[in-house]
């Protein structure tokens, strides 16, 4: 059944996600920080979409408002700010936040929405840009069973798997944990490949071995052959955003009195890599930073030991 859906945040993830919803027959109200982005997407989608100027206007036209934004502070500003979603909220409307956010901020936002007769589901995604484009995202949800049931059909249009972790905030907690594990895995794998290269092993063959062995991971399957060995270093996910998610995970561990020494060390390494790479750098630049620290490039082919 066609729904009136607002979509706020039309970047590399939001644009394909919104496009899938429009193609599924839903009516969209679009908003991006760059007004021209929303206007251009509305033009491409034709009569199924319209661009507006404020979050309040998005809410006035929508029964579900989807956000795909940089962090929980931005989500709070868009939802609770002076011209925010909450000021145009329809009774019973839901905010579906697919961003990667701080769980404690999500809980605050959800309480404010509930006080105005609205609801919230946090459903951050895993799958990166290609997953958004191919409608193969994984959604990691937090929210009431009733709210989750309402928005599940929308998630099934945009993704391939949906997991319900618990109350509001649970999805964001799981997402930051997932990304922290991924970040540590990427750093660990890069260091291992450098060690092997300096011993005289071919890193491309090493990745083939890892992918058939216990050291394999999503990182070995999707990153080194595709983005490092060809020297592209072009993963669209930003290094600074991965560092942000690691910070959320470390803070979550602190609040629950959970010792996470590996996370703490990993966070320090990623901070150094982020400082070296500068603003806007790809997450792939973490590998280049490891290369520079060791003086060894991860190019295909073996080299003399210690070279």
Protein backbone atom coordinates (compact mmCIF):
# COMPACT_ATOMS: atom_id res chain seq x y z
CA UNK A 1 0.00 0.00 0.00
CA UNK A 2 1.39 3.40 -1.01
CA UNK A 3 2.50 5.59 1.89
CA UNK A 4 3.38 9.25 2.33
CA UNK A 5 7.06 9.18 3.20
CA UNK A 6 9.45 11.99 4.02
CA UNK A 7 13.15 11.49 3.34
CA UNK A 8 15.73 13.83 4.87
CA UNK A 9 19.38 13.41 3.88
CA UNK A 10 19.99 12.58 0.23
CA UNK A 11 23.67 11.72 0.09
CA UNK A 12 25.34 8.62 -1.34
CA UNK A 13 23.05 6.43 0.77
CA UNK A 14 19.87 8.46 0.97
CA UNK A 15 19.40 9.09 -2.74
CA UNK A 16 19.29 5.42 -3.83
CA UNK A 17 17.20 4.49 -0.79
CA UNK A 18 14.62 7.17 -1.59
CA UNK A 19 14.66 6.13 -5.25
CA UNK A 20 13.77 2.53 -4.39
CA UNK A 21 10.82 3.71 -2.30
CA UNK A 22 9.51 5.92 -5.10
CA UNK A 23 9.81 3.09 -7.61
CA UNK A 24 7.83 0.88 -5.22
CA UNK A 25 4.93 3.33 -5.52
CA UNK A 26 5.31 5.45 -2.41
CA UNK A 27 4.81 9.24 -2.41
CA UNK A 28 7.95 11.08 -1.23
CA UNK A 29 8.66 14.48 0.27
CA UNK A 30 12.38 15.22 -0.03
CA UNK A 31 14.82 17.45 1.85
CA UNK A 32 18.59 17.79 1.84
CA UNK A 33 20.98 20.34 3.34
CA UNK A 34 21.71 21.28 -0.28
CA UNK A 35 18.33 22.32 -1.62
CA UNK A 36 19.36 21.61 -5.21
CA UNK A 37 19.94 17.92 -4.38
CA UNK A 38 16.35 17.42 -3.25
CA UNK A 39 15.00 19.40 -6.18
CA UNK A 40 17.02 17.41 -8.70
CA UNK A 41 15.97 14.06 -7.25
CA UNK A 42 12.31 15.15 -7.21
CA UNK A 43 12.65 16.08 -10.89
CA UNK A 44 14.12 12.65 -11.71
CA UNK A 45 11.40 10.82 -9.80
CA UNK A 46 8.62 12.76 -11.47
CA UNK A 47 5.18 13.02 -9.93
CA UNK A 48 5.96 10.61 -7.08
CA UNK A 49 8.19 13.11 -5.25
CA UNK A 50 8.32 16.76 -4.24
CA UNK A 51 11.14 18.74 -2.61
CA UNK A 52 10.48 21.13 0.28
CA UNK A 53 12.55 23.61 2.29
CA UNK A 54 12.23 22.60 5.96
CA UNK A 55 11.89 19.49 8.16
CA UNK A 56 8.58 20.89 9.43
CA UNK A 57 7.19 20.77 5.89
CA UNK A 58 8.43 17.20 5.45
CA UNK A 59 6.55 16.15 8.60
CA UNK A 60 3.35 17.95 7.60
CA UNK A 61 3.19 15.82 4.44
CA UNK A 62 4.38 12.46 5.80
CA UNK A 63 3.28 9.51 7.92
CA UNK A 64 6.83 8.15 8.09
CA UNK A 65 9.87 10.45 8.07
CA UNK A 66 13.16 8.75 7.20
CA UNK A 67 16.46 10.38 8.15
CA UNK A 68 19.90 9.48 6.81
CA UNK A 69 22.22 12.01 8.47
CA UNK A 70 25.81 12.23 9.83
CA UNK A 71 25.19 11.75 13.58
CA UNK A 72 22.72 11.96 16.43
CA UNK A 73 23.26 15.67 17.03
CA UNK A 74 22.26 16.46 13.44
CA UNK A 75 19.25 14.14 13.75
CA UNK A 76 18.19 15.91 16.94
CA UNK A 77 18.50 19.32 15.27
CA UNK A 78 16.46 18.19 12.26
CA UNK A 79 13.79 16.54 14.40
CA UNK A 80 13.62 18.85 17.44
CA UNK A 81 15.02 22.16 16.15
CA UNK A 82 13.10 25.43 15.70
CA UNK A 83 11.70 24.39 12.31
CA UNK A 84 12.09 20.68 12.96
CA UNK A 85 10.02 17.62 12.23
CA UNK A 86 8.35 17.72 15.63
CA UNK A 87 6.62 21.01 14.84
CA UNK A 88 4.80 19.54 11.83
CA UNK A 89 4.36 16.02 13.17
CA UNK A 90 1.15 14.22 12.26
CA UNK A 91 -0.51 12.28 15.08
CA UNK A 92 0.92 8.77 15.13
CA UNK A 93 3.67 9.52 12.62
CA UNK A 94 6.99 7.70 12.89
CA UNK A 95 10.55 8.91 12.50
CA UNK A 96 12.72 6.16 11.02
CA UNK A 97 16.36 7.07 11.59
CA UNK A 98 18.70 5.08 9.38
CA UNK A 99 21.78 7.11 10.36
CA UNK A 100 24.62 5.87 12.58
CA UNK A 101 23.99 7.71 15.84
CA UNK A 102 24.67 7.82 19.56
CA UNK A 103 22.08 5.54 21.24
CA UNK A 104 21.62 7.91 24.18
CA UNK A 105 20.73 10.77 21.84
CA UNK A 106 18.30 8.52 19.99
CA UNK A 107 16.55 7.72 23.27
CA UNK A 108 16.20 11.46 24.01
CA UNK A 109 14.80 12.17 20.55
CA UNK A 110 12.33 9.31 20.84
CA UNK A 111 11.02 10.60 24.18
CA UNK A 112 10.45 14.06 22.73
CA UNK A 113 8.55 12.59 19.76
CA UNK A 114 6.43 10.41 22.06
CA UNK A 115 5.39 13.52 24.01
CA UNK A 116 3.86 14.88 20.77
CA UNK A 117 2.09 11.68 19.79
CA UNK A 118 4.78 10.37 17.48
CA UNK A 119 7.14 7.43 17.52
CA UNK A 120 10.66 6.49 16.51
CA UNK A 121 12.53 3.49 15.17
CA UNK A 122 16.29 3.51 14.82
CA UNK A 123 17.38 1.34 11.89
CA UNK A 124 21.00 2.03 10.94
CA UNK A 125 22.28 0.17 7.93
CA UNK A 126 25.15 -2.07 6.95
CA UNK A 127 26.05 -2.60 3.31
CA UNK A 128 27.63 0.69 2.22
CA UNK A 129 26.85 2.57 -0.99
CA UNK A 130 26.60 -0.53 -3.19
CA UNK A 131 24.05 -2.03 -0.79
CA UNK A 132 21.91 1.09 -1.00
CA UNK A 133 22.11 1.13 -4.79
CA UNK A 134 21.27 -2.57 -5.14
CA UNK A 135 18.58 -2.55 -2.41
CA UNK A 136 20.63 -5.06 -0.42
CA UNK A 137 21.15 -3.16 2.82
CA UNK A 138 20.99 -4.83 6.22
CA UNK A 139 18.80 -2.91 8.68
CA UNK A 140 19.53 -3.14 12.42
CA UNK A 141 16.47 -1.96 14.30
CA UNK A 142 15.50 -0.67 17.71
CA UNK A 143 11.89 0.19 18.61
CA UNK A 144 8.57 -1.19 19.77
CA UNK A 145 7.21 -4.27 18.05
CA UNK A 146 4.24 -2.23 16.79
CA UNK A 147 6.40 0.46 15.23
CA UNK A 148 8.79 -2.06 13.73
CA UNK A 149 5.90 -3.90 12.09
CA UNK A 150 4.71 -0.64 10.48
CA UNK A 151 8.00 0.21 8.86
CA UNK A 152 9.24 -3.29 8.02
CA UNK A 153 7.66 -3.25 4.51
CA UNK A 154 9.66 -0.10 3.70
CA UNK A 155 12.90 -1.69 4.86
CA UNK A 156 12.21 -4.73 2.74
CA UNK A 157 12.02 -2.47 -0.32
CA UNK A 158 15.45 -1.01 0.45
CA UNK A 159 17.29 -4.01 1.85
CA UNK A 160 17.81 -7.75 2.02
CA UNK A 161 17.74 -8.40 5.78
CA UNK A 162 16.08 -6.84 8.84
CA UNK A 163 17.04 -7.51 12.47
CA UNK A 164 15.12 -6.24 15.50
CA UNK A 165 17.50 -5.87 18.47
CA UNK A 166 15.18 -4.40 21.14
CA UNK A 167 13.91 -1.01 22.30
CA UNK A 168 14.72 2.35 20.71
CA UNK A 169 18.49 2.87 20.67
CA UNK A 170 19.28 -0.82 20.29
CA UNK A 171 19.86 -0.56 16.56
CA UNK A 172 22.34 2.26 16.98
CA UNK A 173 24.13 0.38 19.76
CA UNK A 174 24.53 -2.68 17.53
CA UNK A 175 25.66 -0.57 14.56
CA UNK A 176 28.50 1.12 16.44
CA UNK A 177 29.62 -2.24 17.84
CA UNK A 178 29.60 -3.70 14.33
CA UNK A 179 31.62 -0.80 12.93
CA UNK A 180 34.13 -0.89 15.76
CA UNK A 181 34.74 -4.59 15.13
CA UNK A 182 35.08 -3.84 11.39
CA UNK A 183 37.56 -1.02 12.05
CA UNK A 184 39.76 -3.17 14.28
CA UNK A 185 39.58 -5.99 11.69
CA UNK A 186 40.68 -3.67 8.89
CA UNK A 187 43.67 -2.40 10.88
CA UNK A 188 44.63 -5.90 12.00
CA UNK A 189 44.38 -7.30 8.46
CA UNK A 190 46.45 -4.45 7.00
CA UNK A 191 49.20 -5.04 9.56
CA UNK A 192 49.18 -8.78 8.87
CA UNK A 193 49.46 -8.29 5.12
CA UNK A 194 52.33 -5.85 5.57
CA UNK A 195 54.15 -8.34 7.81
CA UNK A 196 53.70 -11.03 5.17
CA UNK A 197 54.82 -8.76 2.34
CA UNK A 198 57.99 -7.86 4.23
CA UNK A 199 58.66 -11.57 4.76
CA UNK A 200 58.38 -12.13 1.02
CA UNK A 201 54.76 -13.22 0.59
CA UNK A 202 52.42 -11.95 -2.09
CA UNK A 203 49.62 -10.02 -0.32
CA UNK A 204 47.12 -10.88 -3.05
CA UNK A 205 47.70 -14.59 -2.47
CA UNK A 206 47.58 -13.98 1.27
CA UNK A 207 44.07 -12.54 0.90
CA UNK A 208 43.05 -15.60 -1.13
CA UNK A 209 44.33 -17.79 1.69
CA UNK A 210 42.53 -15.75 4.35
CA UNK A 211 39.27 -15.97 2.44
CA UNK A 212 39.50 -19.77 2.55
CA UNK A 213 40.74 -19.89 6.14
CA UNK A 214 39.85 -18.81 9.65
CA UNK A 215 41.42 -15.36 9.24
CA UNK A 216 38.96 -14.36 6.53
CA UNK A 217 36.37 -11.61 7.04
CA UNK A 218 34.07 -9.24 5.22
CA UNK A 219 37.13 -6.97 4.98
CA UNK A 220 39.26 -9.55 3.15
CA UNK A 221 36.36 -10.33 0.82
CA UNK A 222 35.46 -6.76 -0.14
CA UNK A 223 38.35 -4.38 0.47
CA UNK A 224 41.89 -5.34 -0.49
CA UNK A 225 41.38 -6.73 -4.00
CA UNK A 226 38.80 -4.07 -4.76
CA UNK A 227 40.37 -0.94 -3.24
CA UNK A 228 43.97 -1.45 -2.11
CA UNK A 229 45.84 -3.68 -4.54
CA UNK A 230 44.66 -1.46 -7.42
CA UNK A 231 45.79 1.59 -5.40
CA UNK A 232 42.33 3.20 -5.66
CA UNK A 233 41.73 3.61 -1.88
CA UNK A 234 38.23 4.68 -2.83
CA UNK A 235 35.75 3.25 -0.35
CA UNK A 236 32.99 5.92 -0.22
CA UNK A 237 32.61 5.54 3.55
CA UNK A 238 34.59 8.28 5.28
CA UNK A 239 37.41 7.56 7.71
CA UNK A 240 36.15 10.26 10.06
CA UNK A 241 32.73 8.60 10.21
CA UNK A 242 34.26 5.26 11.12
CA UNK A 243 36.20 7.01 13.86
CA UNK A 244 32.95 8.59 15.05
CA UNK A 245 31.30 5.16 15.29
CA UNK A 246 34.30 3.79 17.19
CA UNK A 247 33.94 6.65 19.65
CA UNK A 248 30.28 5.80 20.19
CA UNK A 249 31.16 2.15 20.80
CA UNK A 250 33.91 3.04 23.29
CA UNK A 251 31.54 5.40 25.14
CA UNK A 252 28.85 2.71 25.21
CA UNK A 253 31.40 0.33 26.74
CA UNK A 254 32.37 2.98 29.31
CA UNK A 255 28.74 3.51 30.32
CA UNK A 256 28.26 -0.23 30.81
CA UNK A 257 31.60 -0.60 32.66
CA UNK A 258 32.86 -2.98 29.98
CA UNK A 259 36.65 -3.27 29.56
CA UNK A 260 37.50 -2.96 25.85
CA UNK A 261 41.30 -2.61 25.61
CA UNK A 262 41.43 -3.61 21.92
CA UNK A 263 38.81 -1.02 21.03
CA UNK A 264 40.74 1.64 22.92
CA UNK A 265 43.97 0.84 21.09
CA UNK A 266 42.17 0.65 17.77
CA UNK A 267 40.61 4.05 18.39
CA UNK A 268 44.05 5.56 18.97
CA UNK A 269 45.36 4.10 15.68
CA UNK A 270 42.36 5.36 13.74
CA UNK A 271 42.76 8.82 15.28
CA UNK A 272 46.35 8.97 14.02
CA UNK A 273 45.29 7.79 10.58
CA UNK A 274 42.49 10.35 10.48
CA UNK A 275 44.89 13.14 11.44
CA UNK A 276 47.29 12.09 8.70
CA UNK A 277 44.62 11.68 6.01
CA UNK A 278 42.70 14.88 6.70
CA UNK A 279 38.98 15.73 6.36
CA UNK A 280 36.88 13.78 3.89
CA UNK A 281 39.33 10.91 3.44
CA UNK A 282 38.08 7.44 2.53
CA UNK A 283 38.13 4.72 5.16
CA UNK A 284 40.57 2.96 2.83
CA UNK A 285 43.19 5.53 3.80
CA UNK A 286 43.66 3.63 7.06
CA UNK A 287 45.51 1.02 4.99
CA UNK A 288 47.65 3.65 3.29
CA UNK A 289 48.53 5.02 6.73
CA UNK A 290 49.68 1.53 7.83
CA UNK A 291 51.76 1.33 4.65
CA UNK A 292 53.45 4.65 5.40
CA UNK A 293 54.20 3.63 8.98
CA UNK A 294 55.98 0.51 7.74
CA UNK A 295 57.43 1.80 4.49
CA UNK A 296 55.75 -1.09 2.65
CA UNK A 297 53.11 -0.80 -0.07
CA UNK A 298 50.54 -3.57 -0.36
CA UNK A 299 50.91 -4.14 -4.08
CA UNK A 300 50.41 -7.58 -5.65
CA UNK A 301 53.52 -9.72 -5.97
CA UNK A 302 56.24 -10.96 -3.66
CA UNK A 303 59.39 -9.02 -2.84
CA UNK A 304 62.68 -9.95 -1.18
CA UNK A 305 62.36 -10.58 2.55
CA UNK A 306 62.64 -7.37 4.59
CA UNK A 307 62.18 -5.17 1.51
